[in-house]
Amino acid sequence: MAGIIPAAGSGSSGGKFRRRRYTPIADINVTPLVDVMLVLLIIFMITAPLLQVGVPVDLPKTSAQQVGGKDEPLVVSVNSKGEVFLGETPYTTADLGAKLKAVHEEKPDQRVFMRGDKAVDYGKMMEVMGVVIDSGFRQLGLLGEQAQQLGKGGGTVTPAPGPAPRAPQPAAPQSPAPRR
C-alpha cells in the first residue's frame, strides 16, 4: 500500500512531503516451483516401476526370496506365444545364441535371468535355457512372481482341481501266471 511518507529532516512540522516510489521485489517466489516439482516427483515414482520390462509375461507364482546383485542382469523372456526376447528386443533362438555369445565375450561374469509365461511349453523354455547355457553363461536364474504367503495379505491357497472321481470298477479275476 502506497502512502505518504514525510521527507527526512522535516520532522513533524508541515514541511515538504515526498511520495515514495514503488520498487519491485527482486526475490523469486519458489512456492509454485516446489509444487510443480512435487507433482513431477509423484508422477515419476508411480510410472518408473511400470517401465522395467515391456514384454508382457504372466509369471508363475513362487515363495522363494528375491535374488540381489550389484550389476543389472540380462533378462531373457519367453511370452505365451513362444516368442523369445532379450530385454525388449525379439530374437529367434539362433540369433539369441549369437547375441549372447557376443555379450559373454565382453562380460563373462554377467548374470542372466529368464522369464517365462506360465502358459509356455516346458520344451520351449528348456530350448531357450540350453541356448543361454551354450553361449557360456553359468549364472542363470528363473524369475517368478512373488506369491502371497498363507495367512498374510488375506490370500488363500486352494488345491488345483483334480480329475473327477471314477466309479469303482469290478476287479477281474486274476489267474496265477504259469510256471516254467
N, C-alpha and C. Protein backbone atom coordinates (compact mmCIF):
# COMPACT_ATOMS: atom_id res chain seq x y z
N MET A 1 0.84 -1.16 0.00
CA MET A 1 0.00 0.00 0.00
C MET A 1 0.90 1.23 0.00
N ALA A 2 0.66 2.08 -0.94
CA ALA A 2 1.48 3.28 -1.03
C ALA A 2 0.90 4.35 -0.12
N GLY A 3 1.77 5.06 0.49
CA GLY A 3 1.32 6.11 1.39
C GLY A 3 2.26 7.29 1.30
N ILE A 4 1.94 8.31 2.01
CA ILE A 4 2.78 9.49 2.01
C ILE A 4 3.69 9.39 3.22
N ILE A 5 4.95 9.50 2.95
CA ILE A 5 5.95 9.42 4.00
C ILE A 5 6.63 10.78 4.08
N PRO A 6 6.74 11.31 5.29
CA PRO A 6 7.39 12.63 5.39
C PRO A 6 8.86 12.55 4.97
N ALA A 7 9.34 13.61 4.39
CA ALA A 7 10.73 13.67 3.94
C ALA A 7 11.64 13.69 5.14
N ALA A 8 12.85 13.19 4.92
CA ALA A 8 13.82 13.13 6.01
C ALA A 8 14.18 14.54 6.46
N GLY A 9 14.26 14.75 7.76
CA GLY A 9 14.67 16.04 8.30
C GLY A 9 13.54 17.04 8.42
N SER A 10 12.36 16.69 7.98
CA SER A 10 11.28 17.66 8.07
C SER A 10 10.60 17.64 9.42
N GLY A 11 10.83 16.54 10.16
CA GLY A 11 10.23 16.46 11.50
C GLY A 11 8.73 16.32 11.39
N SER A 12 8.05 16.75 12.42
CA SER A 12 6.60 16.63 12.42
C SER A 12 5.93 17.90 11.93
N SER A 13 6.75 18.87 11.56
CA SER A 13 6.15 20.11 11.06
C SER A 13 5.61 19.88 9.67
N GLY A 14 4.84 20.72 9.20
CA GLY A 14 4.18 20.58 7.92
C GLY A 14 5.06 20.94 6.76
N GLY A 15 6.30 20.44 6.71
CA GLY A 15 7.23 20.73 5.64
C GLY A 15 6.85 20.04 4.33
N LYS A 16 7.83 19.90 3.46
CA LYS A 16 7.59 19.29 2.16
C LYS A 16 7.40 17.77 2.31
N PHE A 17 6.45 17.26 1.58
CA PHE A 17 6.23 15.82 1.55
C PHE A 17 6.68 15.27 0.22
N ARG A 18 7.18 14.05 0.30
CA ARG A 18 7.65 13.40 -0.93
C ARG A 18 6.95 12.06 -1.04
N ARG A 19 6.54 11.70 -2.23
CA ARG A 19 5.90 10.40 -2.45
C ARG A 19 6.95 9.33 -2.61
N ARG A 20 6.69 8.21 -1.98
CA ARG A 20 7.62 7.08 -2.12
C ARG A 20 7.28 6.32 -3.39
N ARG A 21 8.29 6.00 -4.14
CA ARG A 21 8.07 5.29 -5.38
C ARG A 21 7.96 3.79 -5.11
N TYR A 22 7.19 3.08 -5.96
CA TYR A 22 7.04 1.64 -5.84
C TYR A 22 8.30 0.98 -6.41
N THR A 23 8.90 0.09 -5.61
CA THR A 23 10.08 -0.66 -6.09
C THR A 23 9.71 -2.14 -6.14
N PRO A 24 9.93 -2.76 -7.28
CA PRO A 24 9.56 -4.18 -7.41
C PRO A 24 10.47 -5.07 -6.54
N ILE A 25 9.90 -6.17 -6.04
CA ILE A 25 10.66 -7.10 -5.22
C ILE A 25 11.45 -8.02 -6.15
N ALA A 26 12.72 -8.16 -5.89
CA ALA A 26 13.59 -8.93 -6.77
C ALA A 26 13.72 -10.39 -6.33
N ASP A 27 12.95 -10.86 -5.36
CA ASP A 27 13.02 -12.25 -4.91
C ASP A 27 12.12 -13.13 -5.77
N ILE A 28 12.53 -14.39 -5.93
CA ILE A 28 11.75 -15.36 -6.70
C ILE A 28 10.81 -16.08 -5.74
N ASN A 29 9.56 -16.20 -6.13
CA ASN A 29 8.60 -16.95 -5.34
C ASN A 29 8.77 -18.42 -5.70
N VAL A 30 9.30 -19.21 -4.78
CA VAL A 30 9.61 -20.61 -5.07
C VAL A 30 8.46 -21.56 -4.75
N THR A 31 7.40 -21.09 -4.18
CA THR A 31 6.28 -21.98 -3.82
C THR A 31 5.69 -22.67 -5.05
N PRO A 32 5.39 -21.98 -6.16
CA PRO A 32 4.88 -22.70 -7.34
C PRO A 32 5.91 -23.68 -7.91
N LEU A 33 7.18 -23.34 -7.83
CA LEU A 33 8.23 -24.24 -8.32
C LEU A 33 8.26 -25.52 -7.49
N VAL A 34 8.15 -25.40 -6.19
CA VAL A 34 8.15 -26.59 -5.32
C VAL A 34 6.91 -27.43 -5.58
N ASP A 35 5.77 -26.80 -5.78
CA ASP A 35 4.54 -27.54 -6.07
C ASP A 35 4.67 -28.36 -7.35
N VAL A 36 5.19 -27.74 -8.39
CA VAL A 36 5.36 -28.45 -9.66
C VAL A 36 6.36 -29.59 -9.51
N MET A 37 7.45 -29.37 -8.80
CA MET A 37 8.46 -30.43 -8.63
C MET A 37 7.90 -31.60 -7.84
N LEU A 38 7.08 -31.35 -6.82
CA LEU A 38 6.48 -32.45 -6.06
C LEU A 38 5.51 -33.26 -6.91
N VAL A 39 4.74 -32.59 -7.74
CA VAL A 39 3.83 -33.31 -8.63
C VAL A 39 4.62 -34.18 -9.61
N LEU A 40 5.69 -33.64 -10.19
CA LEU A 40 6.52 -34.43 -11.10
C LEU A 40 7.17 -35.61 -10.39
N LEU A 41 7.62 -35.41 -9.16
CA LEU A 41 8.22 -36.49 -8.39
C LEU A 41 7.23 -37.62 -8.18
N ILE A 42 6.00 -37.29 -7.84
CA ILE A 42 4.98 -38.32 -7.64
C ILE A 42 4.68 -39.05 -8.94
N ILE A 43 4.60 -38.33 -10.03
CA ILE A 43 4.34 -38.96 -11.33
C ILE A 43 5.45 -39.93 -11.68
N PHE A 44 6.71 -39.55 -11.50
CA PHE A 44 7.83 -40.43 -11.83
C PHE A 44 7.91 -41.61 -10.87
N MET A 45 7.55 -41.41 -9.61
CA MET A 45 7.57 -42.53 -8.67
C MET A 45 6.53 -43.57 -9.03
N ILE A 46 5.41 -43.15 -9.59
CA ILE A 46 4.36 -44.10 -9.97
C ILE A 46 4.70 -44.80 -11.27
N THR A 47 5.24 -44.07 -12.25
CA THR A 47 5.46 -44.66 -13.57
C THR A 47 6.77 -45.42 -13.69
N ALA A 48 7.76 -45.17 -12.86
CA ALA A 48 9.07 -45.83 -13.00
C ALA A 48 8.98 -47.35 -12.86
N PRO A 49 8.26 -47.90 -11.89
CA PRO A 49 8.20 -49.37 -11.82
C PRO A 49 7.50 -50.00 -13.01
N LEU A 50 6.63 -49.26 -13.68
CA LEU A 50 5.92 -49.81 -14.83
C LEU A 50 6.79 -49.89 -16.06
N LEU A 51 7.93 -49.23 -16.08
CA LEU A 51 8.79 -49.17 -17.25
C LEU A 51 9.95 -50.16 -17.22
N GLN A 52 9.94 -51.13 -16.30
CA GLN A 52 11.08 -52.03 -16.16
C GLN A 52 11.26 -52.92 -17.39
N VAL A 53 10.35 -53.84 -17.63
CA VAL A 53 10.45 -54.72 -18.78
C VAL A 53 9.13 -54.67 -19.51
N GLY A 54 9.17 -54.40 -20.81
CA GLY A 54 7.96 -54.19 -21.56
C GLY A 54 7.35 -55.42 -22.19
N VAL A 55 7.95 -56.61 -22.06
CA VAL A 55 7.39 -57.81 -22.66
C VAL A 55 6.34 -58.36 -21.70
N PRO A 56 5.08 -58.45 -22.13
CA PRO A 56 4.04 -58.95 -21.22
C PRO A 56 4.16 -60.46 -21.03
N VAL A 57 4.49 -60.87 -19.80
CA VAL A 57 4.64 -62.28 -19.46
C VAL A 57 3.88 -62.52 -18.15
N ASP A 58 3.04 -63.53 -18.14
CA ASP A 58 2.30 -63.90 -16.93
C ASP A 58 3.16 -64.89 -16.15
N LEU A 59 3.90 -64.39 -15.16
CA LEU A 59 4.86 -65.21 -14.43
C LEU A 59 4.16 -66.15 -13.46
N PRO A 60 4.72 -67.34 -13.27
CA PRO A 60 4.17 -68.24 -12.25
C PRO A 60 4.49 -67.73 -10.86
N LYS A 61 3.69 -68.13 -9.89
CA LYS A 61 3.88 -67.70 -8.51
C LYS A 61 4.94 -68.56 -7.82
N THR A 62 5.71 -67.96 -6.90
CA THR A 62 6.72 -68.67 -6.14
C THR A 62 6.82 -68.08 -4.75
N SER A 63 7.32 -68.87 -3.82
CA SER A 63 7.52 -68.37 -2.46
C SER A 63 8.99 -68.15 -2.16
N ALA A 64 9.86 -68.27 -3.17
CA ALA A 64 11.30 -68.08 -2.97
C ALA A 64 11.62 -66.60 -2.75
N GLN A 65 12.73 -66.35 -2.06
CA GLN A 65 13.17 -64.99 -1.79
C GLN A 65 13.80 -64.38 -3.05
N GLN A 66 13.80 -63.05 -3.12
CA GLN A 66 14.38 -62.36 -4.26
C GLN A 66 15.90 -62.45 -4.21
N VAL A 67 16.51 -62.50 -5.40
CA VAL A 67 17.95 -62.57 -5.51
C VAL A 67 18.47 -61.17 -5.75
N GLY A 68 19.44 -60.73 -4.95
CA GLY A 68 20.02 -59.39 -5.12
C GLY A 68 21.36 -59.48 -5.83
N GLY A 69 21.79 -58.39 -6.37
CA GLY A 69 23.07 -58.34 -7.05
C GLY A 69 23.50 -56.91 -7.28
N LYS A 70 24.75 -56.77 -7.68
CA LYS A 70 25.30 -55.43 -7.88
C LYS A 70 24.99 -54.89 -9.27
N ASP A 71 25.17 -55.72 -10.29
CA ASP A 71 25.01 -55.23 -11.66
C ASP A 71 23.62 -55.58 -12.18
N GLU A 72 23.27 -54.95 -13.28
CA GLU A 72 21.97 -55.17 -13.91
C GLU A 72 22.06 -56.44 -14.76
N PRO A 73 21.21 -57.45 -14.50
CA PRO A 73 21.30 -58.70 -15.25
C PRO A 73 20.64 -58.59 -16.62
N LEU A 74 21.02 -59.51 -17.50
CA LEU A 74 20.32 -59.64 -18.77
C LEU A 74 19.02 -60.38 -18.49
N VAL A 75 17.96 -60.00 -19.19
CA VAL A 75 16.67 -60.66 -18.99
C VAL A 75 16.23 -61.26 -20.33
N VAL A 76 16.08 -62.60 -20.34
CA VAL A 76 15.58 -63.32 -21.50
C VAL A 76 14.14 -63.70 -21.18
N SER A 77 13.21 -63.30 -22.04
CA SER A 77 11.79 -63.54 -21.80
C SER A 77 11.22 -64.41 -22.91
N VAL A 78 10.29 -65.29 -22.52
CA VAL A 78 9.54 -66.09 -23.49
C VAL A 78 8.07 -65.83 -23.19
N ASN A 79 7.35 -65.26 -24.17
CA ASN A 79 5.95 -64.93 -23.91
C ASN A 79 5.06 -66.13 -24.21
N SER A 80 3.75 -65.96 -24.07
CA SER A 80 2.82 -67.08 -24.20
C SER A 80 2.76 -67.64 -25.61
N LYS A 81 3.18 -66.87 -26.60
CA LYS A 81 3.20 -67.35 -27.99
C LYS A 81 4.49 -68.10 -28.32
N GLY A 82 5.46 -68.11 -27.38
CA GLY A 82 6.73 -68.79 -27.62
C GLY A 82 7.78 -67.90 -28.24
N GLU A 83 7.51 -66.59 -28.34
CA GLU A 83 8.48 -65.66 -28.90
C GLU A 83 9.54 -65.35 -27.84
N VAL A 84 10.80 -65.23 -28.27
CA VAL A 84 11.92 -65.04 -27.36
C VAL A 84 12.40 -63.59 -27.47
N PHE A 85 12.66 -62.97 -26.30
CA PHE A 85 13.09 -61.58 -26.23
C PHE A 85 14.34 -61.50 -25.37
N LEU A 86 15.28 -60.65 -25.74
CA LEU A 86 16.41 -60.27 -24.90
C LEU A 86 16.17 -58.82 -24.54
N GLY A 87 15.81 -58.58 -23.28
CA GLY A 87 15.34 -57.25 -22.88
C GLY A 87 13.96 -57.06 -23.49
N GLU A 88 13.83 -56.13 -24.41
CA GLU A 88 12.56 -55.91 -25.12
C GLU A 88 12.68 -56.20 -26.61
N THR A 89 13.87 -56.69 -27.05
CA THR A 89 14.12 -56.93 -28.46
C THR A 89 13.82 -58.38 -28.79
N PRO A 90 12.96 -58.65 -29.80
CA PRO A 90 12.67 -60.05 -30.16
C PRO A 90 13.83 -60.66 -30.95
N TYR A 91 14.08 -61.96 -30.69
CA TYR A 91 15.13 -62.72 -31.38
C TYR A 91 14.61 -64.11 -31.69
N THR A 92 15.19 -64.73 -32.72
CA THR A 92 15.00 -66.16 -32.90
C THR A 92 16.01 -66.84 -31.98
N THR A 93 15.84 -68.14 -31.76
CA THR A 93 16.75 -68.81 -30.83
C THR A 93 18.18 -68.82 -31.39
N ALA A 94 18.36 -68.94 -32.71
CA ALA A 94 19.70 -68.92 -33.29
C ALA A 94 20.35 -67.54 -33.13
N ASP A 95 19.56 -66.49 -33.41
CA ASP A 95 20.09 -65.12 -33.26
C ASP A 95 20.36 -64.79 -31.79
N LEU A 96 19.53 -65.33 -30.89
CA LEU A 96 19.74 -65.11 -29.46
C LEU A 96 21.07 -65.72 -29.02
N GLY A 97 21.39 -66.91 -29.52
CA GLY A 97 22.66 -67.55 -29.17
C GLY A 97 23.85 -66.72 -29.63
N ALA A 98 23.79 -66.19 -30.86
CA ALA A 98 24.89 -65.36 -31.37
C ALA A 98 25.03 -64.08 -30.56
N LYS A 99 23.91 -63.45 -30.21
CA LYS A 99 23.95 -62.21 -29.44
C LYS A 99 24.51 -62.47 -28.04
N LEU A 100 24.06 -63.57 -27.39
CA LEU A 100 24.54 -63.87 -26.05
C LEU A 100 26.03 -64.24 -26.04
N LYS A 101 26.51 -64.89 -27.10
CA LYS A 101 27.95 -65.20 -27.17
C LYS A 101 28.76 -63.92 -27.27
N ALA A 102 28.27 -62.94 -28.03
CA ALA A 102 28.96 -61.66 -28.14
C ALA A 102 28.96 -60.93 -26.79
N VAL A 103 27.85 -60.99 -26.07
CA VAL A 103 27.78 -60.35 -24.76
C VAL A 103 28.70 -61.07 -23.77
N HIS A 104 28.76 -62.41 -23.88
CA HIS A 104 29.59 -63.19 -22.96
C HIS A 104 31.08 -62.89 -23.15
N GLU A 105 31.49 -62.60 -24.38
CA GLU A 105 32.89 -62.24 -24.63
C GLU A 105 33.26 -60.92 -23.95
N GLU A 106 32.31 -59.98 -23.89
CA GLU A 106 32.56 -58.70 -23.24
C GLU A 106 32.48 -58.80 -21.72
N LYS A 107 31.47 -59.49 -21.22
CA LYS A 107 31.24 -59.62 -19.77
C LYS A 107 31.00 -61.09 -19.43
N PRO A 108 32.06 -61.85 -19.16
CA PRO A 108 31.87 -63.29 -18.90
C PRO A 108 31.18 -63.60 -17.57
N ASP A 109 31.17 -62.67 -16.62
CA ASP A 109 30.54 -62.93 -15.32
C ASP A 109 29.13 -62.33 -15.22
N GLN A 110 28.54 -62.00 -16.34
CA GLN A 110 27.20 -61.40 -16.39
C GLN A 110 26.15 -62.41 -15.95
N ARG A 111 25.18 -61.96 -15.15
CA ARG A 111 24.06 -62.80 -14.74
C ARG A 111 22.96 -62.71 -15.79
N VAL A 112 22.23 -63.82 -15.97
CA VAL A 112 21.12 -63.86 -16.91
C VAL A 112 19.90 -64.37 -16.16
N PHE A 113 18.79 -63.64 -16.29
CA PHE A 113 17.52 -64.06 -15.69
C PHE A 113 16.58 -64.45 -16.82
N MET A 114 15.84 -65.52 -16.61
CA MET A 114 14.85 -65.96 -17.60
C MET A 114 13.46 -65.74 -17.04
N ARG A 115 12.59 -65.19 -17.87
CA ARG A 115 11.18 -65.01 -17.53
C ARG A 115 10.38 -65.80 -18.55
N GLY A 116 9.52 -66.67 -18.06
CA GLY A 116 8.70 -67.47 -18.97
C GLY A 116 7.24 -67.40 -18.57
N ASP A 117 6.37 -67.20 -19.54
CA ASP A 117 4.95 -67.18 -19.27
C ASP A 117 4.54 -68.56 -18.77
N LYS A 118 3.59 -68.61 -17.84
CA LYS A 118 3.21 -69.91 -17.28
C LYS A 118 2.47 -70.77 -18.28
N ALA A 119 2.03 -70.20 -19.39
CA ALA A 119 1.35 -70.97 -20.43
C ALA A 119 2.31 -71.49 -21.50
N VAL A 120 3.59 -71.12 -21.42
CA VAL A 120 4.54 -71.52 -22.45
C VAL A 120 4.92 -72.99 -22.25
N ASP A 121 5.22 -73.66 -23.35
CA ASP A 121 5.59 -75.06 -23.34
C ASP A 121 6.92 -75.26 -22.60
N TYR A 122 6.98 -76.30 -21.77
CA TYR A 122 8.19 -76.60 -20.99
C TYR A 122 9.38 -76.86 -21.93
N GLY A 123 9.12 -77.51 -23.05
CA GLY A 123 10.19 -77.78 -24.02
C GLY A 123 10.79 -76.51 -24.59
N LYS A 124 9.96 -75.50 -24.82
CA LYS A 124 10.45 -74.22 -25.35
C LYS A 124 11.35 -73.53 -24.33
N MET A 125 10.95 -73.57 -23.05
CA MET A 125 11.79 -72.97 -22.00
C MET A 125 13.13 -73.70 -21.91
N MET A 126 13.12 -75.02 -22.00
CA MET A 126 14.36 -75.79 -21.94
C MET A 126 15.24 -75.51 -23.15
N GLU A 127 14.63 -75.30 -24.31
CA GLU A 127 15.39 -74.96 -25.52
C GLU A 127 16.10 -73.62 -25.35
N VAL A 128 15.38 -72.61 -24.86
CA VAL A 128 15.96 -71.28 -24.66
C VAL A 128 17.03 -71.34 -23.57
N MET A 129 16.76 -72.11 -22.51
CA MET A 129 17.74 -72.25 -21.44
C MET A 129 19.02 -72.92 -21.96
N GLY A 130 18.87 -73.89 -22.85
CA GLY A 130 20.04 -74.53 -23.46
C GLY A 130 20.85 -73.55 -24.30
N VAL A 131 20.17 -72.66 -25.02
CA VAL A 131 20.86 -71.64 -25.82
C VAL A 131 21.67 -70.72 -24.91
N VAL A 132 21.08 -70.32 -23.77
CA VAL A 132 21.77 -69.42 -22.83
C VAL A 132 23.01 -70.11 -22.26
N ILE A 133 22.86 -71.37 -21.86
CA ILE A 133 23.99 -72.10 -21.27
C ILE A 133 25.06 -72.38 -22.32
N ASP A 134 24.65 -72.72 -23.55
CA ASP A 134 25.62 -72.99 -24.62
C ASP A 134 26.40 -71.74 -25.00
N SER A 135 25.85 -70.56 -24.76
CA SER A 135 26.57 -69.33 -25.09
C SER A 135 27.61 -68.98 -24.04
N GLY A 136 27.69 -69.75 -22.95
CA GLY A 136 28.76 -69.57 -21.99
C GLY A 136 28.34 -69.06 -20.63
N PHE A 137 27.10 -68.67 -20.46
CA PHE A 137 26.65 -68.13 -19.18
C PHE A 137 26.39 -69.25 -18.20
N ARG A 138 26.89 -69.09 -16.98
CA ARG A 138 26.71 -70.09 -15.93
C ARG A 138 25.85 -69.56 -14.79
N GLN A 139 25.67 -68.25 -14.72
CA GLN A 139 24.83 -67.65 -13.67
C GLN A 139 23.47 -67.37 -14.28
N LEU A 140 22.61 -68.37 -14.20
CA LEU A 140 21.28 -68.30 -14.81
C LEU A 140 20.24 -68.44 -13.73
N GLY A 141 19.27 -67.56 -13.72
CA GLY A 141 18.20 -67.60 -12.73
C GLY A 141 16.85 -67.53 -13.41
N LEU A 142 15.85 -68.16 -12.80
CA LEU A 142 14.48 -68.11 -13.30
C LEU A 142 13.68 -67.14 -12.45
N LEU A 143 12.94 -66.26 -13.10
CA LEU A 143 12.14 -65.28 -12.39
C LEU A 143 10.70 -65.76 -12.26
N GLY A 144 10.10 -65.45 -11.14
CA GLY A 144 8.70 -65.75 -10.90
C GLY A 144 8.08 -64.61 -10.13
N GLU A 145 6.78 -64.59 -10.08
CA GLU A 145 6.07 -63.55 -9.34
C GLU A 145 5.96 -63.98 -7.89
N GLN A 146 6.15 -63.06 -6.96
CA GLN A 146 6.12 -63.37 -5.53
C GLN A 146 4.70 -63.72 -5.13
N ALA A 147 4.49 -64.93 -4.62
CA ALA A 147 3.18 -65.37 -4.18
C ALA A 147 2.91 -64.85 -2.78
N GLN A 148 1.64 -64.63 -2.45
CA GLN A 148 1.29 -64.21 -1.10
C GLN A 148 1.46 -65.39 -0.17
N GLN A 149 2.05 -65.14 0.97
CA GLN A 149 2.24 -66.20 1.94
C GLN A 149 0.92 -66.50 2.62
N LEU A 150 0.73 -67.75 2.98
CA LEU A 150 -0.50 -68.18 3.61
C LEU A 150 -0.67 -67.46 4.94
N GLY A 151 -1.82 -66.85 5.17
CA GLY A 151 -2.09 -66.15 6.41
C GLY A 151 -1.71 -64.69 6.36
N LYS A 152 -1.03 -64.24 5.32
CA LYS A 152 -0.66 -62.82 5.19
C LYS A 152 -1.31 -62.27 3.93
N GLY A 153 -1.85 -61.10 4.03
CA GLY A 153 -2.42 -60.44 2.86
C GLY A 153 -3.80 -60.95 2.50
N GLY A 154 -4.38 -61.83 3.30
CA GLY A 154 -5.74 -62.30 3.03
C GLY A 154 -5.83 -63.32 1.93
N GLY A 155 -4.71 -63.78 1.35
CA GLY A 155 -4.76 -64.76 0.28
C GLY A 155 -4.93 -66.16 0.83
N THR A 156 -5.61 -67.01 0.09
CA THR A 156 -5.75 -68.40 0.49
C THR A 156 -5.20 -69.29 -0.61
N VAL A 157 -4.78 -70.43 -0.22
CA VAL A 157 -4.24 -71.39 -1.19
C VAL A 157 -5.27 -72.50 -1.33
N THR A 158 -5.74 -72.73 -2.54
CA THR A 158 -6.68 -73.81 -2.79
C THR A 158 -6.02 -74.80 -3.72
N PRO A 159 -6.24 -76.09 -3.50
CA PRO A 159 -5.63 -77.08 -4.38
C PRO A 159 -6.24 -77.02 -5.77
N ALA A 160 -5.44 -77.37 -6.75
CA ALA A 160 -5.93 -77.38 -8.12
C ALA A 160 -6.95 -78.50 -8.27
N PRO A 161 -7.99 -78.28 -9.06
CA PRO A 161 -9.00 -79.33 -9.21
C PRO A 161 -8.39 -80.53 -9.93
N GLY A 162 -8.61 -81.68 -9.37
CA GLY A 162 -8.09 -82.91 -9.97
C GLY A 162 -9.14 -83.53 -10.87
N PRO A 163 -8.84 -84.70 -11.40
CA PRO A 163 -9.83 -85.36 -12.24
C PRO A 163 -11.01 -85.81 -11.39
N ALA A 164 -12.17 -85.91 -12.01
CA ALA A 164 -13.38 -86.31 -11.30
C ALA A 164 -13.21 -87.74 -10.79
N PRO A 165 -13.73 -88.04 -9.61
CA PRO A 165 -13.60 -89.40 -9.10
C PRO A 165 -14.38 -90.38 -9.98
N ARG A 166 -13.79 -91.54 -10.16
CA ARG A 166 -14.39 -92.55 -11.01
C ARG A 166 -15.10 -93.59 -10.15
N ALA A 167 -16.09 -94.18 -10.71
CA ALA A 167 -16.82 -95.24 -10.00
C ALA A 167 -15.90 -96.46 -9.92
N PRO A 168 -15.96 -97.20 -8.81
CA PRO A 168 -15.10 -98.37 -8.70
C PRO A 168 -15.45 -99.42 -9.75
N GLN A 169 -14.43 -99.96 -10.36
CA GLN A 169 -14.58 -100.99 -11.38
C GLN A 169 -14.54 -102.36 -10.70
N PRO A 170 -15.35 -103.29 -11.15
CA PRO A 170 -15.26 -104.62 -10.58
C PRO A 170 -13.92 -105.24 -10.94
N ALA A 171 -13.30 -105.89 -9.97
CA ALA A 171 -12.00 -106.49 -10.20
C ALA A 171 -12.14 -107.73 -11.06
N ALA A 172 -11.27 -107.82 -12.04
CA ALA A 172 -11.27 -109.00 -12.91
C ALA A 172 -10.57 -110.14 -12.18
N PRO A 173 -11.07 -111.35 -12.30
CA PRO A 173 -10.39 -112.46 -11.64
C PRO A 173 -8.99 -112.63 -12.20
N GLN A 174 -8.06 -112.76 -11.31
CA GLN A 174 -6.66 -112.91 -11.72
C GLN A 174 -6.29 -114.37 -11.65
N SER A 175 -5.71 -114.82 -12.71
CA SER A 175 -5.23 -116.21 -12.73
C SER A 175 -3.73 -116.21 -12.46
N PRO A 176 -3.24 -117.21 -11.75
CA PRO A 176 -1.81 -117.24 -11.50
C PRO A 176 -1.04 -117.44 -12.79
N ALA A 177 0.14 -116.82 -12.86
CA ALA A 177 0.98 -116.95 -14.04
C ALA A 177 1.53 -118.37 -14.12
N PRO A 178 1.59 -118.94 -15.31
CA PRO A 178 2.13 -120.29 -15.43
C PRO A 178 3.62 -120.32 -15.12
N ARG A 179 4.03 -121.41 -14.46
CA ARG A 179 5.44 -121.58 -14.13
C ARG A 179 6.14 -122.33 -15.22
N ARG A 180 7.38 -122.04 -15.41
CA ARG A 180 8.17 -122.74 -16.42
C ARG A 180 9.22 -123.58 -15.79
